[in-house]
Amino acid sequence: MSTSLRPKIVVIDDDEVFTRILHLGLKKNGYDVYAINSAEDAIEFLNQSSDVDLFIIDFDLDDVSEDGLSLCRKIKAYTGKPIIMLTGESSTDVTVSCLYAGADQYVTKPYILQELVARIHVVLNRLPRESEEASPSFELTYNTVTLNGRLRELRSETDVVRLTERETQLAEVLFTYPDEDIPRDRIFALIFGKQMPPFNRAIDIIVGRLRKKLSTVTGEVVIQPSRSSGYRLTSIELERRSMEGV
């Protein structure tokens, strides 16, 4: 939690005029506001975000390095901070993608400031936030394997392998929800930001590539098909115990 009596909010939007207006509006409503206008600057800022109470992210962030959905997923995975997504789109695909990526609230533009303030209030007062004091390291660890999202690599104590951007995005999803069955359509929405077309095999192809690279750094962690026609990251030991009914 911010040491200030005023909750600290970070607004990430490449529209500087809109950001300034929102900045003034939130300040008048009792919030400390920090504005960031690019995904690259937002990623750099995360190492200093331990006192941030909430992020507001523009879904339509026009940045070649990171879109709003991907940024939402990273912030949620590496910091656990509450997130509100803003967007000019109101389609079901976009709504579902934002919620799957970890957004706590979703607000369409144009909006009434007091509605946004009310949603901020709901998010900040919903649940105690246990992970606020931890500074993100851009690393997620499961069993003997660590994923570094910034470097796009998987490593164990003895080996390391580089990942593509899509493989990193998939790994972030799996490492954020270890030992959990994640449906393919949810994974697709998290990575591509839209509903999965019928008979699409894109996720299976990326899983196949990531599975091979994972096997080069460890024999203890695997990606298994799940009952929900999806996948889960799990350990060989956990799988063995499950099969034996332990």
C-alpha atoms as a PDB file:
ATOM      1  CA  MET A   1       0.000   0.000   0.000  1.00  0.00           C
ATOM      2  CA  SER A   2       1.163   3.524  -0.721  1.00  0.00           C
ATOM      3  CA  THR A   3       2.733   5.244   2.291  1.00  0.00           C
ATOM      4  CA  SER A   4       0.705   8.349   1.350  1.00  0.00           C
ATOM      5  CA  LEU A   5      -2.803   8.797   2.721  1.00  0.00           C
ATOM      6  CA  ARG A   6      -3.840   9.328  -0.906  1.00  0.00           C
ATOM      7  CA  PRO A   7      -3.978   6.093  -2.966  1.00  0.00           C
ATOM      8  CA  LYS A   8      -1.443   6.080  -5.813  1.00  0.00           C
ATOM      9  CA  ILE A   9      -2.753   5.353  -9.300  1.00  0.00           C
ATOM     10  CA  VAL A  10      -0.669   4.858 -12.441  1.00  0.00           C
ATOM     11  CA  VAL A  11      -2.369   5.706 -15.753  1.00  0.00           C
ATOM     12  CA  ILE A  12      -0.833   4.106 -18.863  1.00  0.00           C
ATOM     13  CA  ASP A  13      -2.128   5.639 -22.093  1.00  0.00           C
ATOM     14  CA  ASP A  14      -0.363   6.924 -25.212  1.00  0.00           C
ATOM     15  CA  ASP A  15      -2.933   9.727 -25.641  1.00  0.00           C
ATOM     16  CA  GLU A  16      -1.189  12.508 -23.714  1.00  0.00           C
ATOM     17  CA  VAL A  17      -4.152  14.904 -23.856  1.00  0.00           C
ATOM     18  CA  PHE A  18      -6.548  12.283 -22.506  1.00  0.00           C
ATOM     19  CA  THR A  19      -4.000  11.320 -19.845  1.00  0.00           C
ATOM     20  CA  ARG A  20      -3.651  14.908 -18.627  1.00  0.00           C
ATOM     21  CA  ILE A  21      -7.421  15.304 -18.350  1.00  0.00           C
ATOM     22  CA  LEU A  22      -7.757  12.036 -16.436  1.00  0.00           C
ATOM     23  CA  HIS A  23      -4.778  12.999 -14.264  1.00  0.00           C
ATOM     24  CA  LEU A  24      -6.490  16.234 -13.193  1.00  0.00           C
ATOM     25  CA  GLY A  25      -9.831  14.534 -12.623  1.00  0.00           C
ATOM     26  CA  LEU A  26      -8.393  11.823 -10.395  1.00  0.00           C
ATOM     27  CA  LYS A  27      -6.286  14.301  -8.414  1.00  0.00           C
ATOM     28  CA  LYS A  28      -9.431  16.333  -7.659  1.00  0.00           C
ATOM     29  CA  ASN A  29     -10.985  13.139  -6.314  1.00  0.00           C
ATOM     30  CA  GLY A  30      -8.189  12.522  -3.839  1.00  0.00           C
ATOM     31  CA  TYR A  31      -5.718  10.312  -5.695  1.00  0.00           C
ATOM     32  CA  ASP A  32      -2.001  10.662  -6.353  1.00  0.00           C
ATOM     33  CA  VAL A  33      -1.603  10.061 -10.079  1.00  0.00           C
ATOM     34  CA  TYR A  34       1.441   9.094 -12.133  1.00  0.00           C
ATOM     35  CA  ALA A  35       1.085   9.143 -15.929  1.00  0.00           C
ATOM     36  CA  ILE A  36       3.005   6.936 -18.376  1.00  0.00           C
ATOM     37  CA  ASN A  37       2.633   7.289 -22.144  1.00  0.00           C
ATOM     38  CA  SER A  38       4.321   4.166 -23.521  1.00  0.00           C
ATOM     39  CA  ALA A  39       4.457   0.448 -22.809  1.00  0.00           C
ATOM     40  CA  GLU A  40       8.265   0.555 -22.710  1.00  0.00           C
ATOM     41  CA  ASP A  41       8.235   3.207 -19.977  1.00  0.00           C
ATOM     42  CA  ALA A  42       5.566   1.231 -18.111  1.00  0.00           C
ATOM     43  CA  ILE A  43       7.736  -1.901 -18.090  1.00  0.00           C
ATOM     44  CA  GLU A  44      10.701   0.131 -16.844  1.00  0.00           C
ATOM     45  CA  PHE A  45       8.524   1.624 -14.106  1.00  0.00           C
ATOM     46  CA  LEU A  46       7.374  -1.720 -12.699  1.00  0.00           C
ATOM     47  CA  ASN A  47      10.541  -2.156 -10.661  1.00  0.00           C
ATOM     48  CA  GLN A  48       9.543   0.996  -8.765  1.00  0.00           C
ATOM     49  CA  SER A  49       5.872   0.089  -8.360  1.00  0.00           C
ATOM     50  CA  SER A  50       5.787  -1.381  -4.842  1.00  0.00           C
ATOM     51  CA  ASP A  51       3.813   1.608  -3.520  1.00  0.00           C
ATOM     52  CA  VAL A  52       1.305   1.716  -6.401  1.00  0.00           C
ATOM     53  CA  ASP A  53      -2.263   0.916  -5.407  1.00  0.00           C
ATOM     54  CA  LEU A  54      -3.842   0.528  -8.843  1.00  0.00           C
ATOM     55  CA  PHE A  55      -3.040   0.649 -12.566  1.00  0.00           C
ATOM     56  CA  ILE A  56      -5.337   2.079 -15.238  1.00  0.00           C
ATOM     57  CA  ILE A  57      -4.361   0.786 -18.698  1.00  0.00           C
ATOM     58  CA  ASP A  58      -5.615   1.729 -22.154  1.00  0.00           C
ATOM     59  CA  PHE A  59      -6.527  -1.435 -24.051  1.00  0.00           C
ATOM     60  CA  ASP A  60      -5.879   0.337 -27.364  1.00  0.00           C
ATOM     61  CA  LEU A  61      -2.316   1.255 -26.460  1.00  0.00           C
ATOM     62  CA  ASP A  62      -0.563   1.862 -29.789  1.00  0.00           C
ATOM     63  CA  ASP A  63       2.911   0.545 -29.071  1.00  0.00           C
ATOM     64  CA  VAL A  64       4.884  -1.864 -31.247  1.00  0.00           C
ATOM     65  CA  SER A  65       6.607  -3.383 -28.223  1.00  0.00           C
ATOM     66  CA  GLU A  66       3.528  -4.157 -26.125  1.00  0.00           C
ATOM     67  CA  ASP A  67      -0.232  -3.715 -26.478  1.00  0.00           C
ATOM     68  CA  GLY A  68      -2.571  -2.911 -23.604  1.00  0.00           C
ATOM     69  CA  LEU A  69      -3.737  -6.498 -23.139  1.00  0.00           C
ATOM     70  CA  SER A  70      -0.199  -7.876 -23.003  1.00  0.00           C
ATOM     71  CA  LEU A  71       0.789  -5.123 -20.563  1.00  0.00           C
ATOM     72  CA  CYS A  72      -2.201  -5.946 -18.362  1.00  0.00           C
ATOM     73  CA  ARG A  73      -1.187  -9.606 -18.272  1.00  0.00           C
ATOM     74  CA  LYS A  74       2.408  -8.753 -17.360  1.00  0.00           C
ATOM     75  CA  ILE A  75       1.476  -6.309 -14.597  1.00  0.00           C
ATOM     76  CA  LYS A  76      -0.935  -8.787 -13.055  1.00  0.00           C
ATOM     77  CA  ALA A  77       1.525 -11.694 -13.338  1.00  0.00           C
ATOM     78  CA  TYR A  78       4.564  -9.897 -11.948  1.00  0.00           C
ATOM     79  CA  THR A  79       3.004  -7.515  -9.392  1.00  0.00           C
ATOM     80  CA  GLY A  80      -0.472  -8.774  -8.517  1.00  0.00           C
ATOM     81  CA  LYS A  81      -1.683  -5.154  -8.492  1.00  0.00           C
ATOM     82  CA  PRO A  82      -5.332  -4.235  -9.191  1.00  0.00           C
ATOM     83  CA  ILE A  83      -5.995  -3.133 -12.786  1.00  0.00           C
ATOM     84  CA  ILE A  84      -8.762  -1.225 -14.545  1.00  0.00           C
ATOM     85  CA  MET A  85      -8.808  -1.409 -18.346  1.00  0.00           C
ATOM     86  CA  LEU A  86     -10.094   1.474 -20.490  1.00  0.00           C
ATOM     87  CA  THR A  87     -11.142   0.979 -24.096  1.00  0.00           C
ATOM     88  CA  GLY A  88     -13.238   2.457 -26.845  1.00  0.00           C
ATOM     89  CA  GLU A  89     -14.424  -1.035 -27.797  1.00  0.00           C
ATOM     90  CA  SER A  90     -17.371  -2.802 -26.208  1.00  0.00           C
ATOM     91  CA  SER A  91     -17.240  -6.212 -27.914  1.00  0.00           C
ATOM     92  CA  THR A  92     -17.539  -9.407 -25.926  1.00  0.00           C
ATOM     93  CA  ASP A  93     -14.133 -10.536 -27.234  1.00  0.00           C
ATOM     94  CA  VAL A  94     -12.405  -7.497 -25.756  1.00  0.00           C
ATOM     95  CA  THR A  95     -14.274  -7.755 -22.445  1.00  0.00           C
ATOM     96  CA  VAL A  96     -13.433 -11.437 -22.041  1.00  0.00           C
ATOM     97  CA  SER A  97      -9.800 -10.887 -23.009  1.00  0.00           C
ATOM     98  CA  CYS A  98      -9.352  -8.126 -20.432  1.00  0.00           C
ATOM     99  CA  LEU A  99     -10.922 -10.156 -17.629  1.00  0.00           C
ATOM    100  CA  TYR A 100      -8.882 -13.245 -18.520  1.00  0.00           C
ATOM    101  CA  ALA A 101      -5.722 -11.111 -18.535  1.00  0.00           C
ATOM    102  CA  GLY A 102      -6.386 -10.154 -14.921  1.00  0.00           C
ATOM    103  CA  ALA A 103      -8.249  -6.849 -15.149  1.00  0.00           C
ATOM    104  CA  ASP A 104     -10.368  -6.209 -12.056  1.00  0.00           C
ATOM    105  CA  GLN A 105     -12.672  -3.773 -13.855  1.00  0.00           C
ATOM    106  CA  TYR A 106     -13.402  -2.840 -17.467  1.00  0.00           C
ATOM    107  CA  VAL A 107     -14.625   0.649 -18.458  1.00  0.00           C
ATOM    108  CA  THR A 108     -15.590   1.752 -21.968  1.00  0.00           C
ATOM    109  CA  LYS A 109     -14.884   5.189 -23.396  1.00  0.00           C
ATOM    110  CA  PRO A 110     -16.367   7.742 -23.293  1.00  0.00           C
ATOM    111  CA  TYR A 111     -17.093   7.399 -19.601  1.00  0.00           C
ATOM    112  CA  ILE A 112     -18.309   9.609 -16.771  1.00  0.00           C
ATOM    113  CA  LEU A 113     -15.461  10.411 -14.385  1.00  0.00           C
ATOM    114  CA  GLN A 114     -17.541   9.665 -11.305  1.00  0.00           C
ATOM    115  CA  GLU A 115     -18.331   6.198 -12.658  1.00  0.00           C
ATOM    116  CA  LEU A 116     -14.616   5.508 -13.063  1.00  0.00           C
ATOM    117  CA  VAL A 117     -13.942   6.877  -9.555  1.00  0.00           C
ATOM    118  CA  ALA A 118     -16.650   4.575  -8.194  1.00  0.00           C
ATOM    119  CA  ARG A 119     -15.057   1.575  -9.895  1.00  0.00           C
ATOM    120  CA  ILE A 120     -11.657   2.572  -8.510  1.00  0.00           C
ATOM    121  CA  HIS A 121     -13.188   2.735  -5.039  1.00  0.00           C
ATOM    122  CA  VAL A 122     -14.715  -0.736  -5.465  1.00  0.00           C
ATOM    123  CA  VAL A 123     -11.426  -2.262  -6.632  1.00  0.00           C
ATOM    124  CA  LEU A 124      -9.319  -0.668  -3.871  1.00  0.00           C
ATOM    125  CA  ASN A 125     -11.722  -1.713  -1.137  1.00  0.00           C
ATOM    126  CA  ARG A 126     -12.708  -5.162  -2.365  1.00  0.00           C
ATOM    127  CA  LEU A 127      -9.928  -7.305  -0.885  1.00  0.00           C
ATOM    128  CA  PRO A 128      -6.724  -6.851   1.127  1.00  0.00           C
ATOM    129  CA  ARG A 129      -3.732  -6.910  -1.205  1.00  0.00           C
ATOM    130  CA  GLU A 130      -1.004  -9.090   0.268  1.00  0.00           C
ATOM    131  CA  SER A 131       1.636  -8.688  -2.419  1.00  0.00           C
ATOM    132  CA  GLU A 132       1.836  -4.902  -2.552  1.00  0.00           C
ATOM    133  CA  GLU A 133       5.214  -4.570  -0.861  1.00  0.00           C
ATOM    134  CA  ALA A 134       6.975  -6.962  -3.219  1.00  0.00           C
ATOM    135  CA  SER A 135       8.896  -5.318  -6.053  1.00  0.00           C
ATOM    136  CA  PRO A 136       8.537  -7.230  -9.336  1.00  0.00           C
ATOM    137  CA  SER A 137      11.573  -9.013 -10.702  1.00  0.00           C
ATOM    138  CA  PHE A 138       9.964 -10.063 -14.016  1.00  0.00           C
ATOM    139  CA  GLU A 139      10.418 -13.639 -12.907  1.00  0.00           C
ATOM    140  CA  LEU A 140       7.900 -16.379 -12.232  1.00  0.00           C
ATOM    141  CA  THR A 141       9.104 -19.642 -10.718  1.00  0.00           C
ATOM    142  CA  TYR A 142       7.509 -23.069 -10.665  1.00  0.00           C
ATOM    143  CA  ASN A 143       9.290 -26.041  -9.163  1.00  0.00           C
ATOM    144  CA  THR A 144      12.853 -25.989 -10.566  1.00  0.00           C
ATOM    145  CA  VAL A 145      12.153 -23.644 -13.492  1.00  0.00           C
ATOM    146  CA  THR A 146      12.147 -19.837 -13.648  1.00  0.00           C
ATOM    147  CA  LEU A 147      10.592 -17.754 -16.407  1.00  0.00           C
ATOM    148  CA  ASN A 148      12.093 -14.314 -17.031  1.00  0.00           C
ATOM    149  CA  GLY A 149       9.553 -12.413 -19.100  1.00  0.00           C
ATOM    150  CA  ARG A 150      11.805  -9.464 -19.819  1.00  0.00           C
ATOM    151  CA  LEU A 151      14.681 -11.592 -21.127  1.00  0.00           C
ATOM    152  CA  ARG A 152      12.276 -14.102 -22.711  1.00  0.00           C
ATOM    153  CA  GLU A 153      14.015 -17.115 -21.267  1.00  0.00           C
ATOM    154  CA  LEU A 154      13.427 -20.234 -19.201  1.00  0.00           C
ATOM    155  CA  ARG A 155      16.143 -21.452 -16.891  1.00  0.00           C
ATOM    156  CA  SER A 156      16.887 -24.124 -14.342  1.00  0.00           C
ATOM    157  CA  GLU A 157      19.941 -24.406 -12.101  1.00  0.00           C
ATOM    158  CA  THR A 158      21.996 -25.777 -14.980  1.00  0.00           C
ATOM    159  CA  ASP A 159      20.380 -24.743 -18.275  1.00  0.00           C
ATOM    160  CA  VAL A 160      18.753 -21.786 -20.026  1.00  0.00           C
ATOM    161  CA  VAL A 161      16.752 -21.449 -23.266  1.00  0.00           C
ATOM    162  CA  ARG A 162      15.502 -18.392 -25.139  1.00  0.00           C
ATOM    163  CA  LEU A 163      11.824 -17.998 -26.077  1.00  0.00           C
ATOM    164  CA  THR A 164       9.964 -16.182 -28.822  1.00  0.00           C
ATOM    165  CA  GLU A 165       7.439 -13.485 -27.898  1.00  0.00           C
ATOM    166  CA  ARG A 166       4.462 -15.831 -28.331  1.00  0.00           C
ATOM    167  CA  GLU A 167       6.190 -18.583 -26.350  1.00  0.00           C
ATOM    168  CA  THR A 168       6.886 -16.070 -23.585  1.00  0.00           C
ATOM    169  CA  GLN A 169       3.243 -14.960 -23.551  1.00  0.00           C
ATOM    170  CA  LEU A 170       2.095 -18.574 -23.276  1.00  0.00           C
ATOM    171  CA  ALA A 171       4.639 -19.291 -20.545  1.00  0.00           C
ATOM    172  CA  GLU A 172       3.449 -16.253 -18.567  1.00  0.00           C
ATOM    173  CA  VAL A 173      -0.089 -17.610 -18.642  1.00  0.00           C
ATOM    174  CA  LEU A 174       0.969 -21.114 -17.552  1.00  0.00           C
ATOM    175  CA  PHE A 175       3.368 -19.898 -14.846  1.00  0.00           C
ATOM    176  CA  THR A 176       0.755 -17.501 -13.470  1.00  0.00           C
ATOM    177  CA  TYR A 177      -1.721 -20.363 -13.017  1.00  0.00           C
ATOM    178  CA  PRO A 178       0.447 -23.436 -12.280  1.00  0.00           C
ATOM    179  CA  ASP A 179      -1.293 -26.788 -11.747  1.00  0.00           C
ATOM    180  CA  GLU A 180      -4.502 -25.242 -13.075  1.00  0.00           C
ATOM    181  CA  ASP A 181      -6.384 -26.449 -16.141  1.00  0.00           C
ATOM    182  CA  ILE A 182      -6.604 -23.533 -18.574  1.00  0.00           C
ATOM    183  CA  PRO A 183      -8.949 -23.944 -21.573  1.00  0.00           C
ATOM    184  CA  ARG A 184      -7.457 -23.332 -25.012  1.00  0.00           C
ATOM    185  CA  ASP A 185      -9.949 -20.558 -25.789  1.00  0.00           C
ATOM    186  CA  ARG A 186      -8.933 -18.724 -22.616  1.00  0.00           C
ATOM    187  CA  ILE A 187      -5.243 -19.029 -23.501  1.00  0.00           C
ATOM    188  CA  PHE A 188      -5.994 -17.798 -27.024  1.00  0.00           C
ATOM    189  CA  ALA A 189      -7.899 -14.771 -25.704  1.00  0.00           C
ATOM    190  CA  LEU A 190      -5.054 -13.932 -23.311  1.00  0.00           C
ATOM    191  CA  ILE A 191      -2.438 -14.039 -26.058  1.00  0.00           C
ATOM    192  CA  PHE A 192      -4.274 -12.755 -29.130  1.00  0.00           C
ATOM    193  CA  GLY A 193      -6.914 -10.526 -27.515  1.00  0.00           C
ATOM    194  CA  LYS A 194      -9.883 -12.012 -29.355  1.00  0.00           C
ATOM    195  CA  GLN A 195     -12.129 -15.043 -29.467  1.00  0.00           C
ATOM    196  CA  MET A 196     -10.552 -18.224 -30.803  1.00  0.00           C
ATOM    197  CA  PRO A 197     -11.866 -19.139 -34.275  1.00  0.00           C
ATOM    198  CA  PRO A 198     -13.318 -22.646 -34.740  1.00  0.00           C
ATOM    199  CA  PHE A 199     -10.750 -25.380 -35.396  1.00  0.00           C
ATOM    200  CA  ASN A 200      -7.864 -22.981 -34.775  1.00  0.00           C
ATOM    201  CA  ARG A 201      -4.635 -24.789 -33.773  1.00  0.00           C
ATOM    202  CA  ALA A 202      -2.410 -21.789 -33.035  1.00  0.00           C
ATOM    203  CA  ILE A 203      -2.248 -22.524 -29.295  1.00  0.00           C
ATOM    204  CA  ASP A 204      -1.391 -26.179 -29.886  1.00  0.00           C
ATOM    205  CA  ILE A 205       1.492 -25.145 -32.151  1.00  0.00           C
ATOM    206  CA  ILE A 206       2.904 -22.683 -29.596  1.00  0.00           C
ATOM    207  CA  VAL A 207       2.467 -25.249 -26.817  1.00  0.00           C
ATOM    208  CA  GLY A 208       4.392 -27.792 -28.870  1.00  0.00           C
ATOM    209  CA  ARG A 209       7.314 -25.401 -29.319  1.00  0.00           C
ATOM    210  CA  LEU A 210       7.323 -24.327 -25.669  1.00  0.00           C
ATOM    211  CA  ARG A 211       7.077 -27.937 -24.499  1.00  0.00           C
ATOM    212  CA  LYS A 212      10.224 -28.846 -26.443  1.00  0.00           C
ATOM    213  CA  LYS A 213      12.167 -25.901 -25.042  1.00  0.00           C
ATOM    214  CA  LEU A 214      10.970 -26.640 -21.512  1.00  0.00           C
ATOM    215  CA  SER A 215      12.271 -30.200 -21.826  1.00  0.00           C
ATOM    216  CA  THR A 216      15.761 -28.863 -22.597  1.00  0.00           C
ATOM    217  CA  VAL A 217      16.037 -27.163 -19.183  1.00  0.00           C
ATOM    218  CA  THR A 218      14.240 -29.679 -16.960  1.00  0.00           C
ATOM    219  CA  GLY A 219      12.751 -33.134 -16.844  1.00  0.00           C
ATOM    220  CA  GLU A 220      10.719 -32.310 -13.735  1.00  0.00           C
ATOM    221  CA  VAL A 221       8.183 -29.837 -15.179  1.00  0.00           C
ATOM    222  CA  VAL A 222       5.863 -30.541 -18.095  1.00  0.00           C
ATOM    223  CA  ILE A 223       2.934 -29.046 -20.010  1.00  0.00           C
ATOM    224  CA  GLN A 224       0.062 -31.520 -20.001  1.00  0.00           C
ATOM    225  CA  PRO A 225      -3.279 -31.533 -21.858  1.00  0.00           C
ATOM    226  CA  SER A 226      -6.169 -30.885 -19.473  1.00  0.00           C
ATOM    227  CA  ARG A 227      -9.730 -32.160 -19.117  1.00  0.00           C
ATOM    228  CA  SER A 228     -10.995 -28.754 -20.281  1.00  0.00           C
ATOM    229  CA  SER A 229      -9.463 -29.210 -23.747  1.00  0.00           C
ATOM    230  CA  GLY A 230      -6.634 -26.959 -22.662  1.00  0.00           C
ATOM    231  CA  TYR A 231      -3.297 -27.228 -20.920  1.00  0.00           C
ATOM    232  CA  ARG A 232      -1.688 -27.010 -17.510  1.00  0.00           C
ATOM    233  CA  LEU A 233       1.850 -26.570 -16.219  1.00  0.00           C
ATOM    234  CA  THR A 234       2.628 -29.249 -13.673  1.00  0.00           C
ATOM    235  CA  SER A 235       5.414 -31.372 -12.217  1.00  0.00           C
ATOM    236  CA  ILE A 236       6.216 -34.988 -12.996  1.00  0.00           C
ATOM    237  CA  GLU A 237       6.053 -35.771  -9.267  1.00  0.00           C
ATOM    238  CA  LEU A 238       2.601 -34.239  -8.901  1.00  0.00           C
ATOM    239  CA  GLU A 239       1.388 -36.165 -11.923  1.00  0.00           C
ATOM    240  CA  ARG A 240       2.754 -39.414 -10.482  1.00  0.00           C
ATOM    241  CA  ARG A 241       1.102 -38.848  -7.121  1.00  0.00           C
ATOM    242  CA  SER A 242      -2.181 -37.983  -8.799  1.00  0.00           C
ATOM    243  CA  MET A 243      -2.156 -41.186 -10.838  1.00  0.00           C
ATOM    244  CA  GLU A 244      -1.356 -43.215  -7.726  1.00  0.00           C
ATOM    245  CA  GLY A 245      -4.177 -41.521  -5.839  1.00  0.00           C
ATOM    246  CA  VAL A 246      -1.848 -40.134  -3.171  1.00  0.00           C
END
